[in-house]
PDB file of N, CA and C in Angstrom:
ATOM      1  N   MET A   1       0.805  -1.201   0.000  1.00  0.00           N
ATOM      2  CA  MET A   1       0.000   0.000   0.000  1.00  0.00           C
ATOM      3  C   MET A   1       0.852   1.271   0.000  1.00  0.00           C
ATOM      4  N   ALA A   2       2.029   1.220   0.592  1.00  0.00           N
ATOM      5  CA  ALA A   2       2.889   2.404   0.602  1.00  0.00           C
ATOM      6  C   ALA A   2       3.293   2.776  -0.820  1.00  0.00           C
ATOM      7  N   SER A   3       3.519   1.773  -1.655  1.00  0.00           N
ATOM      8  CA  SER A   3       3.892   2.069  -3.040  1.00  0.00           C
ATOM      9  C   SER A   3       2.750   2.774  -3.772  1.00  0.00           C
ATOM     10  N   LEU A   4       1.523   2.452  -3.434  1.00  0.00           N
ATOM     11  CA  LEU A   4       0.382   3.138  -4.035  1.00  0.00           C
ATOM     12  C   LEU A   4       0.375   4.611  -3.625  1.00  0.00           C
ATOM     13  N   ALA A   5       0.648   4.890  -2.367  1.00  0.00           N
ATOM     14  CA  ALA A   5       0.681   6.270  -1.891  1.00  0.00           C
ATOM     15  C   ALA A   5       1.776   7.064  -2.607  1.00  0.00           C
ATOM     16  N   ILE A   6       2.928   6.456  -2.806  1.00  0.00           N
ATOM     17  CA  ILE A   6       4.024   7.128  -3.510  1.00  0.00           C
ATOM     18  C   ILE A   6       3.654   7.380  -4.961  1.00  0.00           C
ATOM     19  N   TYR A   7       3.056   6.398  -5.587  1.00  0.00           N
ATOM     20  CA  TYR A   7       2.630   6.547  -6.980  1.00  0.00           C
ATOM     21  C   TYR A   7       1.596   7.660  -7.120  1.00  0.00           C
ATOM     22  N   LEU A   8       0.617   7.685  -6.227  1.00  0.00           N
ATOM     23  CA  LEU A   8      -0.424   8.711  -6.279  1.00  0.00           C
ATOM     24  C   LEU A   8       0.154  10.102  -6.025  1.00  0.00           C
ATOM     25  N   ALA A   9       1.115  10.202  -5.120  1.00  0.00           N
ATOM     26  CA  ALA A   9       1.758  11.493  -4.869  1.00  0.00           C
ATOM     27  C   ALA A   9       2.496  11.973  -6.116  1.00  0.00           C
ATOM     28  N   GLY A  10       3.124  11.059  -6.841  1.00  0.00           N
ATOM     29  CA  GLY A  10       3.787  11.425  -8.092  1.00  0.00           C
ATOM     30  C   GLY A  10       2.805  11.924  -9.134  1.00  0.00           C
ATOM     31  N   LEU A  11       1.667  11.252  -9.235  1.00  0.00           N
ATOM     32  CA  LEU A  11       0.631  11.706 -10.167  1.00  0.00           C
ATOM     33  C   LEU A  11       0.091  13.069  -9.762  1.00  0.00           C
ATOM     34  N   MET A  12      -0.053  13.299  -8.460  1.00  0.00           N
ATOM     35  CA  MET A  12      -0.513  14.600  -7.981  1.00  0.00           C
ATOM     36  C   MET A  12       0.478  15.694  -8.375  1.00  0.00           C
ATOM     37  N   TYR A  13       1.763  15.415  -8.226  1.00  0.00           N
ATOM     38  CA  TYR A  13       2.787  16.390  -8.600  1.00  0.00           C
ATOM     39  C   TYR A  13       2.701  16.723 -10.084  1.00  0.00           C
ATOM     40  N   GLU A  14       2.565  15.702 -10.930  1.00  0.00           N
ATOM     41  CA  GLU A  14       2.449  15.948 -12.366  1.00  0.00           C
ATOM     42  C   GLU A  14       1.206  16.762 -12.691  1.00  0.00           C
ATOM     43  N   ALA A  15       0.093  16.450 -12.037  1.00  0.00           N
ATOM     44  CA  ALA A  15      -1.144  17.194 -12.271  1.00  0.00           C
ATOM     45  C   ALA A  15      -0.995  18.642 -11.831  1.00  0.00           C
ATOM     46  N   MET A  16      -0.351  18.869 -10.680  1.00  0.00           N
ATOM     47  CA  MET A  16      -0.141  20.247 -10.202  1.00  0.00           C
ATOM     48  C   MET A  16       0.717  21.022 -11.191  1.00  0.00           C
ATOM     49  N   HIS A  17       1.760  20.394 -11.673  1.00  0.00           N
ATOM     50  CA  HIS A  17       2.641  21.055 -12.632  1.00  0.00           C
ATOM     51  C   HIS A  17       1.877  21.433 -13.893  1.00  0.00           C
ATOM     52  N   ASP A  18       1.133  20.489 -14.443  1.00  0.00           N
ATOM     53  CA  ASP A  18       0.370  20.754 -15.665  1.00  0.00           C
ATOM     54  C   ASP A  18      -0.684  21.823 -15.448  1.00  0.00           C
ATOM     55  N   LEU A  19      -1.430  21.736 -14.349  1.00  0.00           N
ATOM     56  CA  LEU A  19      -2.495  22.713 -14.105  1.00  0.00           C
ATOM     57  C   LEU A  19      -1.949  24.124 -13.939  1.00  0.00           C
ATOM     58  N   TYR A  20      -0.892  24.268 -13.176  1.00  0.00           N
ATOM     59  CA  TYR A  20      -0.384  25.604 -12.896  1.00  0.00           C
ATOM     60  C   TYR A  20       0.424  26.176 -14.046  1.00  0.00           C
ATOM     61  N   CYS A  21       0.943  25.332 -14.921  1.00  0.00           N
ATOM     62  CA  CYS A  21       1.607  25.842 -16.130  1.00  0.00           C
ATOM     63  C   CYS A  21       0.582  26.272 -17.175  1.00  0.00           C
ATOM     64  N   LEU A  22      -0.478  25.507 -17.312  1.00  0.00           N
ATOM     65  CA  LEU A  22      -1.474  25.792 -18.335  1.00  0.00           C
ATOM     66  C   LEU A  22      -2.479  26.858 -17.916  1.00  0.00           C
ATOM     67  N   ASN A  23      -2.841  26.870 -16.635  1.00  0.00           N
ATOM     68  CA  ASN A  23      -3.856  27.811 -16.168  1.00  0.00           C
ATOM     69  C   ASN A  23      -3.583  28.165 -14.706  1.00  0.00           C
ATOM     70  N   PRO A  24      -2.598  29.028 -14.448  1.00  0.00           N
ATOM     71  CA  PRO A  24      -2.181  29.288 -13.065  1.00  0.00           C
ATOM     72  C   PRO A  24      -3.190  30.061 -12.222  1.00  0.00           C
ATOM     73  N   ASN A  25      -4.119  30.744 -12.822  1.00  0.00           N
ATOM     74  CA  ASN A  25      -5.019  31.611 -12.058  1.00  0.00           C
ATOM     75  C   ASN A  25      -6.318  30.941 -11.638  1.00  0.00           C
ATOM     76  N   ASP A  26      -6.646  29.829 -12.242  1.00  0.00           N
ATOM     77  CA  ASP A  26      -7.983  29.267 -12.005  1.00  0.00           C
ATOM     78  C   ASP A  26      -7.957  27.793 -11.626  1.00  0.00           C
ATOM     79  N   GLY A  27      -6.835  27.305 -11.111  1.00  0.00           N
ATOM     80  CA  GLY A  27      -6.742  25.890 -10.770  1.00  0.00           C
ATOM     81  C   GLY A  27      -7.230  25.604  -9.366  1.00  0.00           C
ATOM     82  N   PRO A  28      -7.403  24.331  -9.051  1.00  0.00           N
ATOM     83  CA  PRO A  28      -7.808  23.951  -7.693  1.00  0.00           C
ATOM     84  C   PRO A  28      -6.678  24.199  -6.697  1.00  0.00           C
ATOM     85  N   SER A  29      -7.020  24.270  -5.439  1.00  0.00           N
ATOM     86  CA  SER A  29      -6.016  24.489  -4.397  1.00  0.00           C
ATOM     87  C   SER A  29      -5.174  23.222  -4.223  1.00  0.00           C
ATOM     88  N   PRO A  30      -3.960  23.353  -3.688  1.00  0.00           N
ATOM     89  CA  PRO A  30      -3.157  22.166  -3.411  1.00  0.00           C
ATOM     90  C   PRO A  30      -3.868  21.182  -2.482  1.00  0.00           C
ATOM     91  N   ARG A  31      -4.620  21.688  -1.526  1.00  0.00           N
ATOM     92  CA  ARG A  31      -5.362  20.802  -0.618  1.00  0.00           C
ATOM     93  C   ARG A  31      -6.414  19.989  -1.374  1.00  0.00           C
ATOM     94  N   ALA A  32      -7.108  20.632  -2.310  1.00  0.00           N
ATOM     95  CA  ALA A  32      -8.115  19.922  -3.102  1.00  0.00           C
ATOM     96  C   ALA A  32      -7.465  18.827  -3.948  1.00  0.00           C
ATOM     97  N   LEU A  33      -6.298  19.113  -4.503  1.00  0.00           N
ATOM     98  CA  LEU A  33      -5.595  18.095  -5.277  1.00  0.00           C
ATOM     99  C   LEU A  33      -5.134  16.947  -4.386  1.00  0.00           C
ATOM    100  N   PHE A  34      -4.658  17.258  -3.190  1.00  0.00           N
ATOM    101  CA  PHE A  34      -4.244  16.216  -2.262  1.00  0.00           C
ATOM    102  C   PHE A  34      -5.427  15.318  -1.914  1.00  0.00           C
ATOM    103  N   GLU A  35      -6.569  15.928  -1.635  1.00  0.00           N
ATOM    104  CA  GLU A  35      -7.769  15.150  -1.307  1.00  0.00           C
ATOM    105  C   GLU A  35      -8.156  14.240  -2.471  1.00  0.00           C
ATOM    106  N   ARG A  36      -8.027  14.744  -3.681  1.00  0.00           N
ATOM    107  CA  ARG A  36      -8.435  13.981  -4.855  1.00  0.00           C
ATOM    108  C   ARG A  36      -7.474  12.837  -5.169  1.00  0.00           C
ATOM    109  N   PHE A  37      -6.175  13.086  -5.030  1.00  0.00           N
ATOM    110  CA  PHE A  37      -5.193  12.095  -5.450  1.00  0.00           C
ATOM    111  C   PHE A  37      -4.735  11.162  -4.337  1.00  0.00           C
ATOM    112  N   VAL A  38      -4.506  11.664  -3.137  1.00  0.00           N
ATOM    113  CA  VAL A  38      -3.807  10.893  -2.119  1.00  0.00           C
ATOM    114  C   VAL A  38      -4.663  10.535  -0.911  1.00  0.00           C
ATOM    115  N   ALA A  39      -5.519  11.425  -0.468  1.00  0.00           N
ATOM    116  CA  ALA A  39      -6.197  11.266   0.820  1.00  0.00           C
ATOM    117  C   ALA A  39      -7.089  10.028   0.897  1.00  0.00           C
ATOM    118  N   TRP A  40      -7.619   9.567  -0.200  1.00  0.00           N
ATOM    119  CA  TRP A  40      -8.518   8.411  -0.155  1.00  0.00           C
ATOM    120  C   TRP A  40      -7.762   7.100   0.024  1.00  0.00           C
ATOM    121  N   ASN A  41      -6.444   7.112  -0.151  1.00  0.00           N
ATOM    122  CA  ASN A  41      -5.635   5.900  -0.043  1.00  0.00           C
ATOM    123  C   ASN A  41      -5.756   5.320   1.373  1.00  0.00           C
ATOM    124  N   PRO A  42      -6.069   4.051   1.521  1.00  0.00           N
ATOM    125  CA  PRO A  42      -6.249   3.474   2.859  1.00  0.00           C
ATOM    126  C   PRO A  42      -4.962   3.420   3.682  1.00  0.00           C
ATOM    127  N   PHE A  43      -3.801   3.542   3.047  1.00  0.00           N
ATOM    128  CA  PHE A  43      -2.543   3.505   3.780  1.00  0.00           C
ATOM    129  C   PHE A  43      -2.312   4.784   4.581  1.00  0.00           C
ATOM    130  N   ARG A  44      -2.873   5.875   4.130  1.00  0.00           N
ATOM    131  CA  ARG A  44      -2.633   7.180   4.749  1.00  0.00           C
ATOM    132  C   ARG A  44      -3.150   7.198   6.183  1.00  0.00           C
ATOM    133  N   ARG A  45      -2.316   7.714   7.097  1.00  0.00           N
ATOM    134  CA  ARG A  45      -2.714   7.875   8.500  1.00  0.00           C
ATOM    135  C   ARG A  45      -2.817   9.363   8.801  1.00  0.00           C
ATOM    136  N   SER A  46      -3.728   9.704   9.672  1.00  0.00           N
ATOM    137  CA  SER A  46      -3.838  11.099  10.059  1.00  0.00           C
ATOM    138  C   SER A  46      -2.698  11.463  10.995  1.00  0.00           C
ATOM    139  N   ALA A  47      -2.444  12.734  11.160  1.00  0.00           N
ATOM    140  CA  ALA A  47      -1.369  13.197  12.041  1.00  0.00           C
ATOM    141  C   ALA A  47      -1.629  12.788  13.481  1.00  0.00           C
ATOM    142  N   ALA A  48      -2.881  12.637  13.862  1.00  0.00           N
ATOM    143  CA  ALA A  48      -3.224  12.240  15.223  1.00  0.00           C
ATOM    144  C   ALA A  48      -2.799  10.799  15.515  1.00  0.00           C
ATOM    145  N   GLU A  49      -2.746   9.960  14.490  1.00  0.00           N
ATOM    146  CA  GLU A  49      -2.388   8.561  14.661  1.00  0.00           C
ATOM    147  C   GLU A  49      -0.874   8.349  14.764  1.00  0.00           C
ATOM    148  N   VAL A  50      -0.091   9.299  14.298  1.00  0.00           N
ATOM    149  CA  VAL A  50       1.362   9.162  14.289  1.00  0.00           C
ATOM    150  C   VAL A  50       1.902   9.568  15.669  1.00  0.00           C
ATOM    151  N   GLU A  51       2.668   8.675  16.272  1.00  0.00           N
ATOM    152  CA  GLU A  51       3.210   8.956  17.596  1.00  0.00           C
ATOM    153  C   GLU A  51       4.476   9.773  17.471  1.00  0.00           C
ATOM    154  N   GLU A  52       4.611  10.765  18.340  1.00  0.00           N
ATOM    155  CA  GLU A  52       5.829  11.588  18.380  1.00  0.00           C
ATOM    156  C   GLU A  52       6.900  10.826  19.152  1.00  0.00           C
ATOM    157  N   PRO A  53       8.174  10.884  18.706  1.00  0.00           N
ATOM    158  CA  PRO A  53       9.241  10.181  19.439  1.00  0.00           C
ATOM    159  C   PRO A  53       9.563  10.818  20.776  1.00  0.00           C
TER     160      PRO A  53
END
């Protein structure tokens, strides 16, 4: 599942690059892109679940 998260993050980066190069003034926010590409992945943990050392 971690490999899926990495792959999706790469696709998000490519989409951000394309969107902001082609139409920088009217694209979705970075948070919206994260929600669309990465957040639905079941591997992702919230910050509350991660223990601090």
